[in-house]
Amino acid sequence: MKYRVLIEQDEDGVYVATVPSLPGCITQGATRKEALTNVREAIQAYIESLEKHGEPIPPPITEEVIEI
């Protein structure tokens, strides 16, 4: 499954990664690369927890690009 990840640098220079389709799935890293590594692990742990508790897994957010 593919999930959209938003990465923003905060005021302290830390990169914060959030996954909009997985509420509360957020992590950070000192670099953009580290934040991406950490968010992959966070997504896996989030999904494993949902499966363990019999909760449904939210579908990934899909984007459409519209030209005008």
PDB file of N, CA and C in Angstrom:
ATOM      1  N   MET A   1       0.829  -1.167   0.000  1.00  0.00           N
ATOM      2  CA  MET A   1       0.000   0.000   0.000  1.00  0.00           C
ATOM      3  C   MET A   1       0.882   1.242   0.000  1.00  0.00           C
ATOM      4  N   LYS A   2       0.406   2.275  -0.622  1.00  0.00           N
ATOM      5  CA  LYS A   2       1.150   3.532  -0.653  1.00  0.00           C
ATOM      6  C   LYS A   2       0.369   4.582   0.117  1.00  0.00           C
ATOM      7  N   TYR A   3       1.069   5.331   0.938  1.00  0.00           N
ATOM      8  CA  TYR A   3       0.463   6.400   1.709  1.00  0.00           C
ATOM      9  C   TYR A   3       1.185   7.711   1.431  1.00  0.00           C
ATOM     10  N   ARG A   4       0.410   8.765   1.343  1.00  0.00           N
ATOM     11  CA  ARG A   4       0.989  10.095   1.155  1.00  0.00           C
ATOM     12  C   ARG A   4       1.569  10.542   2.491  1.00  0.00           C
ATOM     13  N   VAL A   5       2.776  11.072   2.453  1.00  0.00           N
ATOM     14  CA  VAL A   5       3.468  11.549   3.646  1.00  0.00           C
ATOM     15  C   VAL A   5       3.780  13.027   3.453  1.00  0.00           C
ATOM     16  N   LEU A   6       3.478  13.814   4.466  1.00  0.00           N
ATOM     17  CA  LEU A   6       3.811  15.237   4.439  1.00  0.00           C
ATOM     18  C   LEU A   6       5.022  15.461   5.329  1.00  0.00           C
ATOM     19  N   ILE A   7       6.019  16.134   4.795  1.00  0.00           N
ATOM     20  CA  ILE A   7       7.237  16.410   5.566  1.00  0.00           C
ATOM     21  C   ILE A   7       7.433  17.915   5.620  1.00  0.00           C
ATOM     22  N   GLU A   8       7.554  18.419   6.841  1.00  0.00           N
ATOM     23  CA  GLU A   8       7.780  19.845   7.051  1.00  0.00           C
ATOM     24  C   GLU A   8       8.920  20.020   8.046  1.00  0.00           C
ATOM     25  N   GLN A   9       9.676  21.050   7.840  1.00  0.00           N
ATOM     26  CA  GLN A   9      10.753  21.362   8.768  1.00  0.00           C
ATOM     27  C   GLN A   9      10.207  22.347   9.800  1.00  0.00           C
ATOM     28  N   ASP A  10      10.348  22.018  11.099  1.00  0.00           N
ATOM     29  CA  ASP A  10       9.814  22.902  12.122  1.00  0.00           C
ATOM     30  C   ASP A  10      10.806  24.016  12.443  1.00  0.00           C
ATOM     31  N   GLU A  11      10.431  24.856  13.394  1.00  0.00           N
ATOM     32  CA  GLU A  11      11.247  26.027  13.720  1.00  0.00           C
ATOM     33  C   GLU A  11      12.603  25.669  14.321  1.00  0.00           C
ATOM     34  N   ASP A  12      12.739  24.438  14.821  1.00  0.00           N
ATOM     35  CA  ASP A  12      14.017  23.987  15.376  1.00  0.00           C
ATOM     36  C   ASP A  12      14.890  23.270  14.346  1.00  0.00           C
ATOM     37  N   GLY A  13      14.380  23.155  13.109  1.00  0.00           N
ATOM     38  CA  GLY A  13      15.144  22.491  12.061  1.00  0.00           C
ATOM     39  C   GLY A  13      14.901  21.000  11.963  1.00  0.00           C
ATOM     40  N   VAL A  14      14.005  20.479  12.795  1.00  0.00           N
ATOM     41  CA  VAL A  14      13.679  19.060  12.785  1.00  0.00           C
ATOM     42  C   VAL A  14      12.649  18.808  11.687  1.00  0.00           C
ATOM     43  N   TYR A  15      12.791  17.692  10.977  1.00  0.00           N
ATOM     44  CA  TYR A  15      11.836  17.329   9.934  1.00  0.00           C
ATOM     45  C   TYR A  15      10.736  16.467  10.553  1.00  0.00           C
ATOM     46  N   VAL A  16       9.496  16.916  10.397  1.00  0.00           N
ATOM     47  CA  VAL A  16       8.341  16.231  10.965  1.00  0.00           C
ATOM     48  C   VAL A  16       7.556  15.599   9.819  1.00  0.00           C
ATOM     49  N   ALA A  17       7.287  14.293   9.937  1.00  0.00           N
ATOM     50  CA  ALA A  17       6.559  13.558   8.900  1.00  0.00           C
ATOM     51  C   ALA A  17       5.224  13.088   9.462  1.00  0.00           C
ATOM     52  N   THR A  18       4.143  13.390   8.735  1.00  0.00           N
ATOM     53  CA  THR A  18       2.815  12.949   9.121  1.00  0.00           C
ATOM     54  C   THR A  18       2.177  12.188   7.965  1.00  0.00           C
ATOM     55  N   VAL A  19       1.254  11.300   8.316  1.00  0.00           N
ATOM     56  CA  VAL A  19       0.538  10.504   7.324  1.00  0.00           C
ATOM     57  C   VAL A  19      -0.938  10.861   7.452  1.00  0.00           C
ATOM     58  N   PRO A  20      -1.471  11.714   6.551  1.00  0.00           N
ATOM     59  CA  PRO A  20      -2.839  12.201   6.689  1.00  0.00           C
ATOM     60  C   PRO A  20      -3.914  11.117   6.796  1.00  0.00           C
ATOM     61  N   SER A  21      -3.750  10.007   6.119  1.00  0.00           N
ATOM     62  CA  SER A  21      -4.798   8.982   6.147  1.00  0.00           C
ATOM     63  C   SER A  21      -4.706   8.069   7.365  1.00  0.00           C
ATOM     64  N   LEU A  22      -3.658   8.234   8.186  1.00  0.00           N
ATOM     65  CA  LEU A  22      -3.508   7.450   9.410  1.00  0.00           C
ATOM     66  C   LEU A  22      -3.444   8.422  10.591  1.00  0.00           C
ATOM     67  N   PRO A  23      -4.591   8.767  11.167  1.00  0.00           N
ATOM     68  CA  PRO A  23      -4.631   9.778  12.235  1.00  0.00           C
ATOM     69  C   PRO A  23      -3.666   9.458  13.376  1.00  0.00           C
ATOM     70  N   GLY A  24      -2.865  10.445  13.724  1.00  0.00           N
ATOM     71  CA  GLY A  24      -1.914  10.281  14.811  1.00  0.00           C
ATOM     72  C   GLY A  24      -0.594   9.651  14.414  1.00  0.00           C
ATOM     73  N   CYS A  25      -0.457   9.265  13.160  1.00  0.00           N
ATOM     74  CA  CYS A  25       0.799   8.668  12.690  1.00  0.00           C
ATOM     75  C   CYS A  25       1.743   9.811  12.319  1.00  0.00           C
ATOM     76  N   ILE A  26       2.652  10.095  13.233  1.00  0.00           N
ATOM     77  CA  ILE A  26       3.566  11.222  13.072  1.00  0.00           C
ATOM     78  C   ILE A  26       4.918  10.827  13.651  1.00  0.00           C
ATOM     79  N   THR A  27       5.977  11.303  13.029  1.00  0.00           N
ATOM     80  CA  THR A  27       7.326  11.032  13.521  1.00  0.00           C
ATOM     81  C   THR A  27       8.223  12.170  13.085  1.00  0.00           C
ATOM     82  N   GLN A  28       9.488  12.080  13.407  1.00  0.00           N
ATOM     83  CA  GLN A  28      10.418  13.149  13.036  1.00  0.00           C
ATOM     84  C   GLN A  28      11.809  12.590  12.816  1.00  0.00           C
ATOM     85  N   GLY A  29      12.687  13.448  12.318  1.00  0.00           N
ATOM     86  CA  GLY A  29      14.076  13.075  12.118  1.00  0.00           C
ATOM     87  C   GLY A  29      14.937  14.318  11.996  1.00  0.00           C
ATOM     88  N   ALA A  30      16.216  14.154  12.236  1.00  0.00           N
ATOM     89  CA  ALA A  30      17.149  15.272  12.144  1.00  0.00           C
ATOM     90  C   ALA A  30      17.338  15.707  10.692  1.00  0.00           C
ATOM     91  N   THR A  31      17.143  14.764   9.762  1.00  0.00           N
ATOM     92  CA  THR A  31      17.250  15.064   8.335  1.00  0.00           C
ATOM     93  C   THR A  31      15.974  14.574   7.643  1.00  0.00           C
ATOM     94  N   ARG A  32      15.774  15.022   6.425  1.00  0.00           N
ATOM     95  CA  ARG A  32      14.617  14.569   5.646  1.00  0.00           C
ATOM     96  C   ARG A  32      14.688  13.050   5.444  1.00  0.00           C
ATOM     97  N   LYS A  33      15.883  12.547   5.153  1.00  0.00           N
ATOM     98  CA  LYS A  33      16.062  11.115   4.934  1.00  0.00           C
ATOM     99  C   LYS A  33      15.719  10.328   6.200  1.00  0.00           C
ATOM    100  N   GLU A  34      16.162  10.802   7.334  1.00  0.00           N
ATOM    101  CA  GLU A  34      15.863  10.131   8.597  1.00  0.00           C
ATOM    102  C   GLU A  34      14.360  10.157   8.888  1.00  0.00           C
ATOM    103  N   ALA A  35      13.712  11.274   8.594  1.00  0.00           N
ATOM    104  CA  ALA A  35      12.263  11.368   8.797  1.00  0.00           C
ATOM    105  C   ALA A  35      11.532  10.362   7.912  1.00  0.00           C
ATOM    106  N   LEU A  36      11.986  10.181   6.670  1.00  0.00           N
ATOM    107  CA  LEU A  36      11.364   9.197   5.775  1.00  0.00           C
ATOM    108  C   LEU A  36      11.564   7.774   6.287  1.00  0.00           C
ATOM    109  N   THR A  37      12.745   7.478   6.771  1.00  0.00           N
ATOM    110  CA  THR A  37      13.001   6.147   7.339  1.00  0.00           C
ATOM    111  C   THR A  37      12.095   5.912   8.541  1.00  0.00           C
ATOM    112  N   ASN A  38      12.008   6.908   9.410  1.00  0.00           N
ATOM    113  CA  ASN A  38      11.194   6.780  10.615  1.00  0.00           C
ATOM    114  C   ASN A  38       9.708   6.654  10.293  1.00  0.00           C
ATOM    115  N   VAL A  39       9.242   7.372   9.274  1.00  0.00           N
ATOM    116  CA  VAL A  39       7.811   7.320   8.967  1.00  0.00           C
ATOM    117  C   VAL A  39       7.446   5.973   8.346  1.00  0.00           C
ATOM    118  N   ARG A  40       8.347   5.361   7.618  1.00  0.00           N
ATOM    119  CA  ARG A  40       8.080   4.004   7.108  1.00  0.00           C
ATOM    120  C   ARG A  40       7.856   3.041   8.273  1.00  0.00           C
ATOM    121  N   GLU A  41       8.722   3.130   9.270  1.00  0.00           N
ATOM    122  CA  GLU A  41       8.587   2.287  10.455  1.00  0.00           C
ATOM    123  C   GLU A  41       7.298   2.597  11.210  1.00  0.00           C
ATOM    124  N   ALA A  42       6.944   3.885  11.299  1.00  0.00           N
ATOM    125  CA  ALA A  42       5.732   4.288  12.005  1.00  0.00           C
ATOM    126  C   ALA A  42       4.481   3.757  11.298  1.00  0.00           C
ATOM    127  N   ILE A  43       4.473   3.810   9.963  1.00  0.00           N
ATOM    128  CA  ILE A  43       3.338   3.286   9.197  1.00  0.00           C
ATOM    129  C   ILE A  43       3.196   1.787   9.436  1.00  0.00           C
ATOM    130  N   GLN A  44       4.301   1.071   9.373  1.00  0.00           N
ATOM    131  CA  GLN A  44       4.257  -0.382   9.599  1.00  0.00           C
ATOM    132  C   GLN A  44       3.726  -0.706  10.994  1.00  0.00           C
ATOM    133  N   ALA A  45       4.213  -0.005  12.005  1.00  0.00           N
ATOM    134  CA  ALA A  45       3.763  -0.245  13.376  1.00  0.00           C
ATOM    135  C   ALA A  45       2.289   0.111  13.541  1.00  0.00           C
ATOM    136  N   TYR A  46       1.861   1.177  12.910  1.00  0.00           N
ATOM    137  CA  TYR A  46       0.464   1.623  12.981  1.00  0.00           C
ATOM    138  C   TYR A  46      -0.451   0.545  12.399  1.00  0.00           C
ATOM    139  N   ILE A  47      -0.107   0.057  11.220  1.00  0.00           N
ATOM    140  CA  ILE A  47      -0.920  -0.958  10.553  1.00  0.00           C
ATOM    141  C   ILE A  47      -0.908  -2.264  11.347  1.00  0.00           C
ATOM    142  N   GLU A  48       0.237  -2.655  11.866  1.00  0.00           N
ATOM    143  CA  GLU A  48       0.324  -3.867  12.691  1.00  0.00           C
ATOM    144  C   GLU A  48      -0.577  -3.756  13.920  1.00  0.00           C
ATOM    145  N   SER A  49      -0.619  -2.581  14.533  1.00  0.00           N
ATOM    146  CA  SER A  49      -1.466  -2.372  15.703  1.00  0.00           C
ATOM    147  C   SER A  49      -2.946  -2.484  15.327  1.00  0.00           C
ATOM    148  N   LEU A  50      -3.324  -1.895  14.188  1.00  0.00           N
ATOM    149  CA  LEU A  50      -4.715  -2.003  13.735  1.00  0.00           C
ATOM    150  C   LEU A  50      -5.091  -3.466  13.516  1.00  0.00           C
ATOM    151  N   GLU A  51      -4.216  -4.199  12.850  1.00  0.00           N
ATOM    152  CA  GLU A  51      -4.481  -5.620  12.575  1.00  0.00           C
ATOM    153  C   GLU A  51      -4.594  -6.412  13.876  1.00  0.00           C
ATOM    154  N   LYS A  52      -3.715  -6.142  14.819  1.00  0.00           N
ATOM    155  CA  LYS A  52      -3.710  -6.850  16.096  1.00  0.00           C
ATOM    156  C   LYS A  52      -5.021  -6.647  16.851  1.00  0.00           C
ATOM    157  N   HIS A  53      -5.581  -5.444  16.729  1.00  0.00           N
ATOM    158  CA  HIS A  53      -6.812  -5.111  17.447  1.00  0.00           C
ATOM    159  C   HIS A  53      -8.072  -5.302  16.597  1.00  0.00           C
ATOM    160  N   GLY A  54      -7.917  -5.876  15.409  1.00  0.00           N
ATOM    161  CA  GLY A  54      -9.063  -6.138  14.556  1.00  0.00           C
ATOM    162  C   GLY A  54      -9.723  -4.898  13.986  1.00  0.00           C
ATOM    163  N   GLU A  55      -8.978  -3.833  13.913  1.00  0.00           N
ATOM    164  CA  GLU A  55      -9.500  -2.568  13.375  1.00  0.00           C
ATOM    165  C   GLU A  55      -9.278  -2.514  11.863  1.00  0.00           C
ATOM    166  N   PRO A  56     -10.158  -1.822  11.149  1.00  0.00           N
ATOM    167  CA  PRO A  56      -9.964  -1.701   9.702  1.00  0.00           C
ATOM    168  C   PRO A  56      -8.768  -0.806   9.372  1.00  0.00           C
ATOM    169  N   ILE A  57      -8.103  -1.127   8.291  1.00  0.00           N
ATOM    170  CA  ILE A  57      -6.965  -0.336   7.833  1.00  0.00           C
ATOM    171  C   ILE A  57      -7.487   0.727   6.870  1.00  0.00           C
ATOM    172  N   PRO A  58      -7.261   2.015   7.189  1.00  0.00           N
ATOM    173  CA  PRO A  58      -7.729   3.074   6.300  1.00  0.00           C
ATOM    174  C   PRO A  58      -7.069   2.964   4.923  1.00  0.00           C
ATOM    175  N   PRO A  59      -7.840   3.222   3.882  1.00  0.00           N
ATOM    176  CA  PRO A  59      -7.240   3.189   2.545  1.00  0.00           C
ATOM    177  C   PRO A  59      -6.284   4.364   2.369  1.00  0.00           C
ATOM    178  N   PRO A  60      -5.326   4.212   1.478  1.00  0.00           N
ATOM    179  CA  PRO A  60      -4.417   5.332   1.221  1.00  0.00           C
ATOM    180  C   PRO A  60      -5.171   6.482   0.558  1.00  0.00           C
ATOM    181  N   ILE A  61      -4.650   7.665   0.716  1.00  0.00           N
ATOM    182  CA  ILE A  61      -5.230   8.831   0.057  1.00  0.00           C
ATOM    183  C   ILE A  61      -4.690   8.878  -1.357  1.00  0.00           C
ATOM    184  N   THR A  62      -5.567   9.017  -2.304  1.00  0.00           N
ATOM    185  CA  THR A  62      -5.121   9.130  -3.686  1.00  0.00           C
ATOM    186  C   THR A  62      -5.278  10.574  -4.134  1.00  0.00           C
ATOM    187  N   GLU A  63      -4.428  10.975  -5.016  1.00  0.00           N
ATOM    188  CA  GLU A  63      -4.464  12.334  -5.537  1.00  0.00           C
ATOM    189  C   GLU A  63      -4.684  12.294  -7.034  1.00  0.00           C
ATOM    190  N   GLU A  64      -5.394  13.253  -7.497  1.00  0.00           N
ATOM    191  CA  GLU A  64      -5.576  13.450  -8.930  1.00  0.00           C
ATOM    192  C   GLU A  64      -4.981  14.794  -9.298  1.00  0.00           C
ATOM    193  N   VAL A  65      -4.287  14.834 -10.371  1.00  0.00           N
ATOM    194  CA  VAL A  65      -3.733  16.095 -10.871  1.00  0.00           C
ATOM    195  C   VAL A  65      -4.626  16.545 -12.012  1.00  0.00           C
ATOM    196  N   ILE A  66      -5.132  17.756 -11.894  1.00  0.00           N
ATOM    197  CA  ILE A  66      -6.047  18.284 -12.901  1.00  0.00           C
ATOM    198  C   ILE A  66      -5.381  19.457 -13.607  1.00  0.00           C
ATOM    199  N   GLU A  67      -5.309  19.363 -14.898  1.00  0.00           N
ATOM    200  CA  GLU A  67      -4.745  20.452 -15.681  1.00  0.00           C
ATOM    201  C   GLU A  67      -5.884  21.328 -16.169  1.00  0.00           C
ATOM    202  N   ILE A  68      -5.666  22.638 -16.099  1.00  0.00           N
ATOM    203  CA  ILE A  68      -6.670  23.579 -16.621  1.00  0.00           C
ATOM    204  C   ILE A  68      -6.052  24.543 -17.596  1.00  0.00           C
TER     205      ILE A  68
END
